[in-house]
PDB file of N, CA and C in Angstrom:
ATOM      1  N   MET A   1     174.312  51.190-137.542  1.00  0.00           N
ATOM      2  CA  MET A   1     173.646  50.205-138.370  1.00  0.00           C
ATOM      3  C   MET A   1     174.685  49.558-139.294  1.00  0.00           C
ATOM      4  N   PRO A   2     174.788  48.211-139.260  1.00  0.00           N
ATOM      5  CA  PRO A   2     175.773  47.556-140.135  1.00  0.00           C
ATOM      6  C   PRO A   2     175.318  47.563-141.594  1.00  0.00           C
ATOM      7  N   LYS A   3     176.287  47.590-142.464  1.00  0.00           N
ATOM      8  CA  LYS A   3     176.034  47.614-143.902  1.00  0.00           C
ATOM      9  C   LYS A   3     175.717  46.185-144.374  1.00  0.00           C
ATOM     10  N   PRO A   4     174.675  45.982-145.200  1.00  0.00           N
ATOM     11  CA  PRO A   4     174.344  44.621-145.668  1.00  0.00           C
ATOM     12  C   PRO A   4     175.437  44.079-146.585  1.00  0.00           C
ATOM     13  N   ASN A   5     175.708  42.785-146.443  1.00  0.00           N
ATOM     14  CA  ASN A   5     176.720  42.127-147.264  1.00  0.00           C
ATOM     15  C   ASN A   5     176.002  41.424-148.420  1.00  0.00           C
ATOM     16  N   TYR A   6     175.831  42.171-149.505  1.00  0.00           N
ATOM     17  CA  TYR A   6     175.093  41.652-150.648  1.00  0.00           C
ATOM     18  C   TYR A   6     175.818  40.489-151.327  1.00  0.00           C
ATOM     19  N   ALA A   7     177.130  40.517-151.342  1.00  0.00           N
ATOM     20  CA  ALA A   7     177.907  39.446-151.978  1.00  0.00           C
ATOM     21  C   ALA A   7     177.658  38.117-151.255  1.00  0.00           C
ATOM     22  N   PHE A   8     177.611  38.160-149.923  1.00  0.00           N
ATOM     23  CA  PHE A   8     177.361  36.943-149.150  1.00  0.00           C
ATOM     24  C   PHE A   8     175.960  36.399-149.453  1.00  0.00           C
ATOM     25  N   GLU A   9     174.970  37.292-149.489  1.00  0.00           N
ATOM     26  CA  GLU A   9     173.599  36.862-149.766  1.00  0.00           C
ATOM     27  C   GLU A   9     173.485  36.262-151.159  1.00  0.00           C
ATOM     28  N   LYS A  10     174.152  36.888-152.124  1.00  0.00           N
ATOM     29  CA  LYS A  10     174.120  36.375-153.490  1.00  0.00           C
ATOM     30  C   LYS A  10     174.757  34.996-153.550  1.00  0.00           C
ATOM     31  N   ARG A  11     175.885  34.822-152.882  1.00  0.00           N
ATOM     32  CA  ARG A  11     176.568  33.524-152.880  1.00  0.00           C
ATOM     33  C   ARG A  11     175.673  32.451-152.253  1.00  0.00           C
ATOM     34  N   GLN A  12     174.972  32.798-151.193  1.00  0.00           N
ATOM     35  CA  GLN A  12     174.076  31.841-150.550  1.00  0.00           C
ATOM     36  C   GLN A  12     172.936  31.450-151.493  1.00  0.00           C
ATOM     37  N   ARG A  13     172.387  32.409-152.242  1.00  0.00           N
ATOM     38  CA  ARG A  13     171.337  32.099-153.214  1.00  0.00           C
ATOM     39  C   ARG A  13     171.878  31.184-154.301  1.00  0.00           C
ATOM     40  N   GLU A  14     173.100  31.465-154.783  1.00  0.00           N
ATOM     41  CA  GLU A  14     173.705  30.631-155.815  1.00  0.00           C
ATOM     42  C   GLU A  14     173.926  29.208-155.321  1.00  0.00           C
ATOM     43  N   LEU A  15     174.401  29.065-154.085  1.00  0.00           N
ATOM     44  CA  LEU A  15     174.627  27.731-153.514  1.00  0.00           C
ATOM     45  C   LEU A  15     173.310  26.970-153.375  1.00  0.00           C
ATOM     46  N   ALA A  16     172.258  27.661-152.946  1.00  0.00           N
ATOM     47  CA  ALA A  16     170.951  27.019-152.809  1.00  0.00           C
ATOM     48  C   ALA A  16     170.429  26.578-154.178  1.00  0.00           C
ATOM     49  N   LYS A  17     170.613  27.431-155.187  1.00  0.00           N
ATOM     50  CA  LYS A  17     170.167  27.097-156.536  1.00  0.00           C
ATOM     51  C   LYS A  17     170.926  25.880-157.072  1.00  0.00           C
ATOM     52  N   LYS A  18     172.245  25.841-156.845  1.00  0.00           N
ATOM     53  CA  LYS A  18     173.067  24.722-157.309  1.00  0.00           C
ATOM     54  C   LYS A  18     172.660  23.425-156.607  1.00  0.00           C
ATOM     55  N   LYS A  19     172.410  23.502-155.303  1.00  0.00           N
ATOM     56  CA  LYS A  19     172.008  22.316-154.552  1.00  0.00           C
ATOM     57  C   LYS A  19     170.676  21.783-155.081  1.00  0.00           C
ATOM     58  N   LYS A  20     169.743  22.678-155.347  1.00  0.00           N
ATOM     59  CA  LYS A  20     168.437  22.278-155.870  1.00  0.00           C
ATOM     60  C   LYS A  20     168.587  21.626-157.243  1.00  0.00           C
ATOM     61  N   GLN A  21     169.448  22.192-158.111  1.00  0.00           N
ATOM     62  CA  GLN A  21     169.679  21.635-159.437  1.00  0.00           C
ATOM     63  C   GLN A  21     170.333  20.260-159.340  1.00  0.00           C
ATOM     64  N   ASP A  22     171.291  20.097-158.423  1.00  0.00           N
ATOM     65  CA  ASP A  22     171.945  18.794-158.240  1.00  0.00           C
ATOM     66  C   ASP A  22     170.946  17.735-157.787  1.00  0.00           C
ATOM     67  N   GLU A  23     170.039  18.105-156.890  1.00  0.00           N
ATOM     68  CA  GLU A  23     169.015  17.166-156.427  1.00  0.00           C
ATOM     69  C   GLU A  23     168.095  16.772-157.583  1.00  0.00           C
ATOM     70  N   LYS A  24     167.740  17.740-158.410  1.00  0.00           N
ATOM     71  CA  LYS A  24     166.875  17.468-159.563  1.00  0.00           C
ATOM     72  C   LYS A  24     167.585  16.518-160.534  1.00  0.00           C
ATOM     73  N   ASP A  25     168.877  16.784-160.799  1.00  0.00           N
ATOM     74  CA  ASP A  25     169.643  15.914-161.691  1.00  0.00           C
ATOM     75  C   ASP A  25     169.734  14.499-161.135  1.00  0.00           C
ATOM     76  N   ALA A  26     169.908  14.379-159.815  1.00  0.00           N
ATOM     77  CA  ALA A  26     169.998  13.061-159.183  1.00  0.00           C
ATOM     78  C   ALA A  26     168.670  12.305-159.346  1.00  0.00           C
ATOM     79  N   ARG A  27     167.538  13.006-159.171  1.00  0.00           N
ATOM     80  CA  ARG A  27     166.234  12.350-159.346  1.00  0.00           C
ATOM     81  C   ARG A  27     166.069  11.876-160.784  1.00  0.00           C
ATOM     82  N   LYS A  28     166.457  12.732-161.755  1.00  0.00           N
ATOM     83  CA  LYS A  28     166.336  12.339-163.159  1.00  0.00           C
ATOM     84  C   LYS A  28     167.218  11.135-163.467  1.00  0.00           C
ATOM     85  N   ARG A  29     168.450  11.149-162.936  1.00  0.00           N
ATOM     86  CA  ARG A  29     169.374  10.046-163.177  1.00  0.00           C
ATOM     87  C   ARG A  29     168.803   8.737-162.610  1.00  0.00           C
ATOM     88  N   GLU A  30     168.237   8.802-161.397  1.00  0.00           N
ATOM     89  CA  GLU A  30     167.642   7.610-160.791  1.00  0.00           C
ATOM     90  C   GLU A  30     166.469   7.103-161.628  1.00  0.00           C
ATOM     91  N   ALA A  31     165.667   8.015-162.158  1.00  0.00           N
ATOM     92  CA  ALA A  31     164.530   7.617-162.985  1.00  0.00           C
ATOM     93  C   ALA A  31     165.006   6.947-164.266  1.00  0.00           C
ATOM     94  N   ARG A  32     166.071   7.498-164.887  1.00  0.00           N
ATOM     95  CA  ARG A  32     166.618   6.890-166.110  1.00  0.00           C
ATOM     96  C   ARG A  32     167.171   5.498-165.814  1.00  0.00           C
ATOM     97  N   GLU A  33     167.884   5.352-164.698  1.00  0.00           N
ATOM     98  CA  GLU A  33     168.449   4.052-164.340  1.00  0.00           C
ATOM     99  C   GLU A  33     167.345   3.046-164.056  1.00  0.00           C
ATOM    100  N   ALA A  34     166.281   3.482-163.396  1.00  0.00           N
ATOM    101  CA  ALA A  34     165.167   2.581-163.106  1.00  0.00           C
ATOM    102  C   ALA A  34     164.487   2.145-164.399  1.00  0.00           C
ATOM    103  N   ALA A  35     164.337   3.077-165.334  1.00  0.00           N
ATOM    104  CA  ALA A  35     163.717   2.737-166.615  1.00  0.00           C
ATOM    105  C   ALA A  35     164.603   1.780-167.393  1.00  0.00           C
ATOM    106  N   ALA A  36     165.908   1.996-167.358  1.00  0.00           N
ATOM    107  CA  ALA A  36     166.831   1.107-168.062  1.00  0.00           C
ATOM    108  C   ALA A  36     166.816  -0.287-167.431  1.00  0.00           C
ATOM    109  N   ALA A  37     166.740  -0.337-166.119  1.00  0.00           N
ATOM    110  CA  ALA A  37     166.688  -1.630-165.433  1.00  0.00           C
ATOM    111  C   ALA A  37     165.382  -2.350-165.763  1.00  0.00           C
ATOM    112  N   GLN A  38     164.303  -1.584-165.873  1.00  0.00           N
ATOM    113  CA  GLN A  38     163.002  -2.172-166.200  1.00  0.00           C
ATOM    114  C   GLN A  38     163.024  -2.763-167.602  1.00  0.00           C
ATOM    115  N   GLU A  39     163.671  -2.069-168.550  1.00  0.00           N
ATOM    116  CA  GLU A  39     163.741  -2.563-169.925  1.00  0.00           C
ATOM    117  C   GLU A  39     164.613  -3.801-170.033  1.00  0.00           C
ATOM    118  N   SER A  40     165.676  -3.863-169.238  1.00  0.00           N
ATOM    119  CA  SER A  40     166.611  -4.973-169.356  1.00  0.00           C
ATOM    120  C   SER A  40     166.102  -6.245-168.674  1.00  0.00           C
ATOM    121  N   MET A  41     165.065  -6.135-167.849  1.00  0.00           N
ATOM    122  CA  MET A  41     164.537  -7.320-167.167  1.00  0.00           C
ATOM    123  C   MET A  41     163.852  -8.220-168.193  1.00  0.00           C
ATOM    124  N   PRO A  42     164.125  -9.522-168.142  1.00  0.00           N
ATOM    125  CA  PRO A  42     163.479 -10.430-169.103  1.00  0.00           C
ATOM    126  C   PRO A  42     161.988 -10.559-168.816  1.00  0.00           C
ATOM    127  N   THR A  43     161.208 -10.720-169.860  1.00  0.00           N
ATOM    128  CA  THR A  43     159.770 -10.891-169.691  1.00  0.00           C
ATOM    129  C   THR A  43     159.498 -12.352-169.347  1.00  0.00           C
ATOM    130  N   PRO A  44     158.453 -12.638-168.602  1.00  0.00           N
ATOM    131  CA  PRO A  44     158.161 -14.022-168.261  1.00  0.00           C
ATOM    132  C   PRO A  44     157.797 -14.824-169.519  1.00  0.00           C
ATOM    133  N   ALA A  45     158.172 -16.099-169.488  1.00  0.00           N
ATOM    134  CA  ALA A  45     157.913 -16.965-170.638  1.00  0.00           C
ATOM    135  C   ALA A  45     156.410 -17.171-170.795  1.00  0.00           C
ATOM    136  N   SER A  46     155.940 -17.048-172.017  1.00  0.00           N
ATOM    137  CA  SER A  46     154.521 -17.239-172.275  1.00  0.00           C
ATOM    138  C   SER A  46     154.294 -18.704-172.660  1.00  0.00           C
ATOM    139  N   PRO A  47     153.144 -19.274-172.315  1.00  0.00           N
ATOM    140  CA  PRO A  47     152.888 -20.678-172.637  1.00  0.00           C
ATOM    141  C   PRO A  47     152.665 -20.904-174.137  1.00  0.00           C
ATOM    142  N   GLU A  48     152.287 -19.857-174.854  1.00  0.00           N
ATOM    143  CA  GLU A  48     152.002 -19.974-176.269  1.00  0.00           C
ATOM    144  C   GLU A  48     153.214 -19.508-177.071  1.00  0.00           C
ATOM    145  N   PRO A  49     153.648 -20.269-178.078  1.00  0.00           N
ATOM    146  CA  PRO A  49     154.791 -19.821-178.870  1.00  0.00           C
ATOM    147  C   PRO A  49     154.465 -18.540-179.632  1.00  0.00           C
ATOM    148  N   GLN A  50     155.481 -17.716-179.864  1.00  0.00           N
ATOM    149  CA  GLN A  50     155.250 -16.424-180.494  1.00  0.00           C
ATOM    150  C   GLN A  50     154.889 -16.540-181.961  1.00  0.00           C
ATOM    151  N   GLU A  51     155.326 -17.587-182.649  1.00  0.00           N
ATOM    152  CA  GLU A  51     155.020 -17.708-184.066  1.00  0.00           C
ATOM    153  C   GLU A  51     153.510 -17.749-184.313  1.00  0.00           C
ATOM    154  N   SER A  52     152.774 -18.383-183.426  1.00  0.00           N
ATOM    155  CA  SER A  52     151.337 -18.504-183.637  1.00  0.00           C
ATOM    156  C   SER A  52     150.615 -17.172-183.420  1.00  0.00           C
ATOM    157  N   ARG A  53     151.227 -16.251-182.630  1.00  0.00           N
ATOM    158  CA  ARG A  53     150.593 -14.963-182.380  1.00  0.00           C
ATOM    159  C   ARG A  53     150.924 -13.938-183.447  1.00  0.00           C
ATOM    160  N   GLU A  54     151.982 -14.146-184.208  1.00  0.00           N
ATOM    161  CA  GLU A  54     152.370 -13.167-185.214  1.00  0.00           C
ATOM    162  C   GLU A  54     151.488 -13.281-186.443  1.00  0.00           C
ATOM    163  N   LEU A  55     151.265 -12.139-187.091  1.00  0.00           N
ATOM    164  CA  LEU A  55     150.487 -12.126-188.316  1.00  0.00           C
ATOM    165  C   LEU A  55     151.385 -12.550-189.473  1.00  0.00           C
ATOM    166  N   PRO A  56     150.806 -13.122-190.511  1.00  0.00           N
ATOM    167  CA  PRO A  56     151.630 -13.510-191.652  1.00  0.00           C
ATOM    168  C   PRO A  56     152.255 -12.278-192.299  1.00  0.00           C
ATOM    169  N   ALA A  57     153.431 -12.478-192.863  1.00  0.00           N
ATOM    170  CA  ALA A  57     154.147 -11.363-193.488  1.00  0.00           C
ATOM    171  C   ALA A  57     153.404 -10.905-194.732  1.00  0.00           C
ATOM    172  N   VAL A  58     153.288  -9.600-194.886  1.00  0.00           N
ATOM    173  CA  VAL A  58     152.602  -9.010-196.033  1.00  0.00           C
ATOM    174  C   VAL A  58     153.645  -8.220-196.815  1.00  0.00           C
ATOM    175  N   ALA A  59     153.656  -8.420-198.119  1.00  0.00           N
ATOM    176  CA  ALA A  59     154.593  -7.677-198.944  1.00  0.00           C
ATOM    177  C   ALA A  59     154.172  -6.212-198.950  1.00  0.00           C
ATOM    178  N   GLU A  60     155.081  -5.355-198.504  1.00  0.00           N
ATOM    179  CA  GLU A  60     154.771  -3.936-198.429  1.00  0.00           C
ATOM    180  C   GLU A  60     155.430  -3.211-199.595  1.00  0.00           C
ATOM    181  N   SER A  61     154.720  -2.250-200.134  1.00  0.00           N
ATOM    182  CA  SER A  61     155.312  -1.445-201.191  1.00  0.00           C
ATOM    183  C   SER A  61     156.250  -0.431-200.539  1.00  0.00           C
ATOM    184  N   PRO A  62     157.290  -0.014-201.243  1.00  0.00           N
ATOM    185  CA  PRO A  62     158.207   0.955-200.644  1.00  0.00           C
ATOM    186  C   PRO A  62     157.473   2.263-200.348  1.00  0.00           C
ATOM    187  N   ALA A  63     157.888   2.891-199.298  1.00  0.00           N
ATOM    188  CA  ALA A  63     157.243   4.136-198.883  1.00  0.00           C
ATOM    189  C   ALA A  63     157.522   5.226-199.908  1.00  0.00           C
ATOM    190  N   ILE A  64     156.463   5.904-200.322  1.00  0.00           N
ATOM    191  CA  ILE A  64     156.588   6.987-201.289  1.00  0.00           C
ATOM    192  C   ILE A  64     156.488   8.287-200.514  1.00  0.00           C
ATOM    193  N   PRO A  65     157.530   9.110-200.593  1.00  0.00           N
ATOM    194  CA  PRO A  65     157.470  10.358-199.831  1.00  0.00           C
ATOM    195  C   PRO A  65     156.420  11.295-200.401  1.00  0.00           C
ATOM    196  N   GLY A  66     155.802  12.058-199.521  1.00  0.00           N
ATOM    197  CA  GLY A  66     154.784  13.009-199.935  1.00  0.00           C
ATOM    198  C   GLY A  66     155.419  14.234-200.568  1.00  0.00           C
ATOM    199  N   PRO A  67     154.604  15.131-201.081  1.00  0.00           N
ATOM    200  CA  PRO A  67     155.143  16.338-201.708  1.00  0.00           C
ATOM    201  C   PRO A  67     155.794  17.230-200.659  1.00  0.00           C
ATOM    202  N   ARG A  68     156.833  17.913-201.074  1.00  0.00           N
ATOM    203  CA  ARG A  68     157.492  18.844-200.169  1.00  0.00           C
ATOM    204  C   ARG A  68     156.703  20.139-200.128  1.00  0.00           C
ATOM    205  N   ILE A  69     156.559  20.674-198.965  1.00  0.00           N
ATOM    206  CA  ILE A  69     155.820  21.921-198.792  1.00  0.00           C
ATOM    207  C   ILE A  69     156.815  22.991-198.385  1.00  0.00           C
ATOM    208  N   HIS A  70     156.895  24.032-199.179  1.00  0.00           N
ATOM    209  CA  HIS A  70     157.786  25.140-198.877  1.00  0.00           C
ATOM    210  C   HIS A  70     156.943  26.330-198.452  1.00  0.00           C
ATOM    211  N   ARG A  71     157.302  26.875-197.326  1.00  0.00           N
ATOM    212  CA  ARG A  71     156.578  28.029-196.819  1.00  0.00           C
ATOM    213  C   ARG A  71     157.432  29.284-197.041  1.00  0.00           C
ATOM    214  N   ARG A  72     156.758  30.374-197.332  1.00  0.00           N
ATOM    215  CA  ARG A  72     157.460  31.623-197.515  1.00  0.00           C
ATOM    216  C   ARG A  72     157.965  32.142-196.197  1.00  0.00           C
ATOM    217  N   GLN A  73     159.142  32.694-196.212  1.00  0.00           N
ATOM    218  CA  GLN A  73     159.707  33.326-195.021  1.00  0.00           C
ATOM    219  C   GLN A  73     159.091  34.708-194.887  1.00  0.00           C
ATOM    220  N   PRO A  74     158.680  35.086-193.676  1.00  0.00           N
ATOM    221  CA  PRO A  74     158.110  36.429-193.504  1.00  0.00           C
ATOM    222  C   PRO A  74     159.151  37.495-193.792  1.00  0.00           C
ATOM    223  N   SER A  75     158.729  38.535-194.491  1.00  0.00           N
ATOM    224  CA  SER A  75     159.659  39.623-194.871  1.00  0.00           C
ATOM    225  C   SER A  75     159.598  40.754-193.870  1.00  0.00           C
TER     226      SER A  75
END
Protein backbone atom coordinates (compact mmCIF):
# COMPACT_ATOMS: atom_id res chain seq x y z
CA MET A 1 0.00 0.00 0.00
CA PRO A 2 1.53 3.36 -1.02
CA LYS A 3 1.90 6.07 1.58
CA PRO A 4 -0.36 9.15 1.00
CA ASN A 5 1.44 12.32 -0.07
CA TYR A 6 -0.16 14.87 2.23
CA ALA A 7 2.13 17.70 1.10
CA PHE A 8 0.97 17.28 -2.51
CA GLU A 9 -2.70 17.28 -1.47
CA LYS A 10 -2.20 20.37 0.66
CA ARG A 11 -0.46 22.19 -2.19
CA GLN A 12 -3.32 21.31 -4.54
CA ARG A 13 -5.86 22.69 -2.03
CA GLU A 14 -3.81 25.89 -1.68
CA LEU A 15 -3.62 26.31 -5.47
CA ALA A 16 -7.38 25.79 -5.80
CA LYS A 17 -8.02 28.33 -3.03
CA LYS A 18 -5.70 30.89 -4.68
CA LYS A 19 -7.34 30.38 -8.08
CA LYS A 20 -10.79 30.88 -6.56
CA GLN A 21 -9.63 34.06 -4.77
CA ASP A 22 -8.08 35.43 -7.99
CA GLU A 23 -11.35 34.83 -9.86
CA LYS A 24 -13.28 36.60 -7.10
CA ASP A 25 -10.87 39.57 -7.21
CA ALA A 26 -11.23 39.74 -11.01
CA ARG A 27 -15.05 39.83 -10.73
CA LYS A 28 -14.85 42.61 -8.12
CA ARG A 29 -12.39 44.58 -10.25
CA GLU A 30 -14.69 44.28 -13.30
CA ALA A 31 -17.66 45.44 -11.23
CA ARG A 32 -15.70 48.47 -9.95
CA GLU A 33 -14.59 49.36 -13.49
CA ALA A 34 -18.15 49.03 -14.79
CA ALA A 35 -19.44 51.26 -12.00
CA ALA A 36 -16.72 53.83 -12.69
CA ALA A 37 -17.54 53.77 -16.40
CA GLN A 38 -21.23 54.20 -15.60
CA GLU A 39 -20.50 57.25 -13.43
CA SER A 40 -18.25 58.86 -16.02
CA MET A 41 -20.85 58.59 -18.81
CA PRO A 42 -22.52 61.96 -19.46
CA THR A 43 -26.22 62.20 -18.72
CA PRO A 44 -28.52 63.07 -21.62
CA ALA A 45 -29.35 66.75 -21.99
CA SER A 46 -32.67 67.66 -20.45
CA PRO A 47 -35.02 70.04 -22.32
CA GLU A 48 -35.63 72.07 -19.16
CA PRO A 49 -32.80 74.22 -17.75
CA GLN A 50 -31.56 73.15 -14.33
CA GLU A 51 -31.98 76.57 -12.73
CA SER A 52 -35.75 76.30 -12.92
CA ARG A 53 -35.73 72.90 -11.18
CA GLU A 54 -33.52 73.96 -8.28
CA LEU A 55 -35.05 75.25 -5.07
CA PRO A 56 -34.15 78.75 -3.94
CA ALA A 57 -31.17 78.96 -1.61
CA VAL A 58 -32.09 79.00 2.07
CA ALA A 59 -29.78 80.46 4.66
CA GLU A 60 -28.79 77.58 6.89
CA SER A 61 -27.64 77.96 10.45
CA PRO A 62 -24.30 76.32 11.24
CA ALA A 63 -24.58 72.76 12.42
CA ILE A 64 -24.52 72.48 16.20
CA PRO A 65 -22.96 69.26 17.40
CA GLY A 66 -24.98 67.18 19.81
CA PRO A 67 -23.85 66.25 23.30
CA ARG A 68 -21.05 63.75 23.58
CA ILE A 69 -22.03 60.45 25.08
CA HIS A 70 -19.40 58.59 27.04
CA ARG A 71 -19.99 54.98 27.86
CA ARG A 72 -18.32 53.17 30.71
CA GLN A 73 -15.82 50.51 29.78
CA PRO A 74 -16.73 47.10 31.19
CA SER A 75 -14.48 46.13 34.10
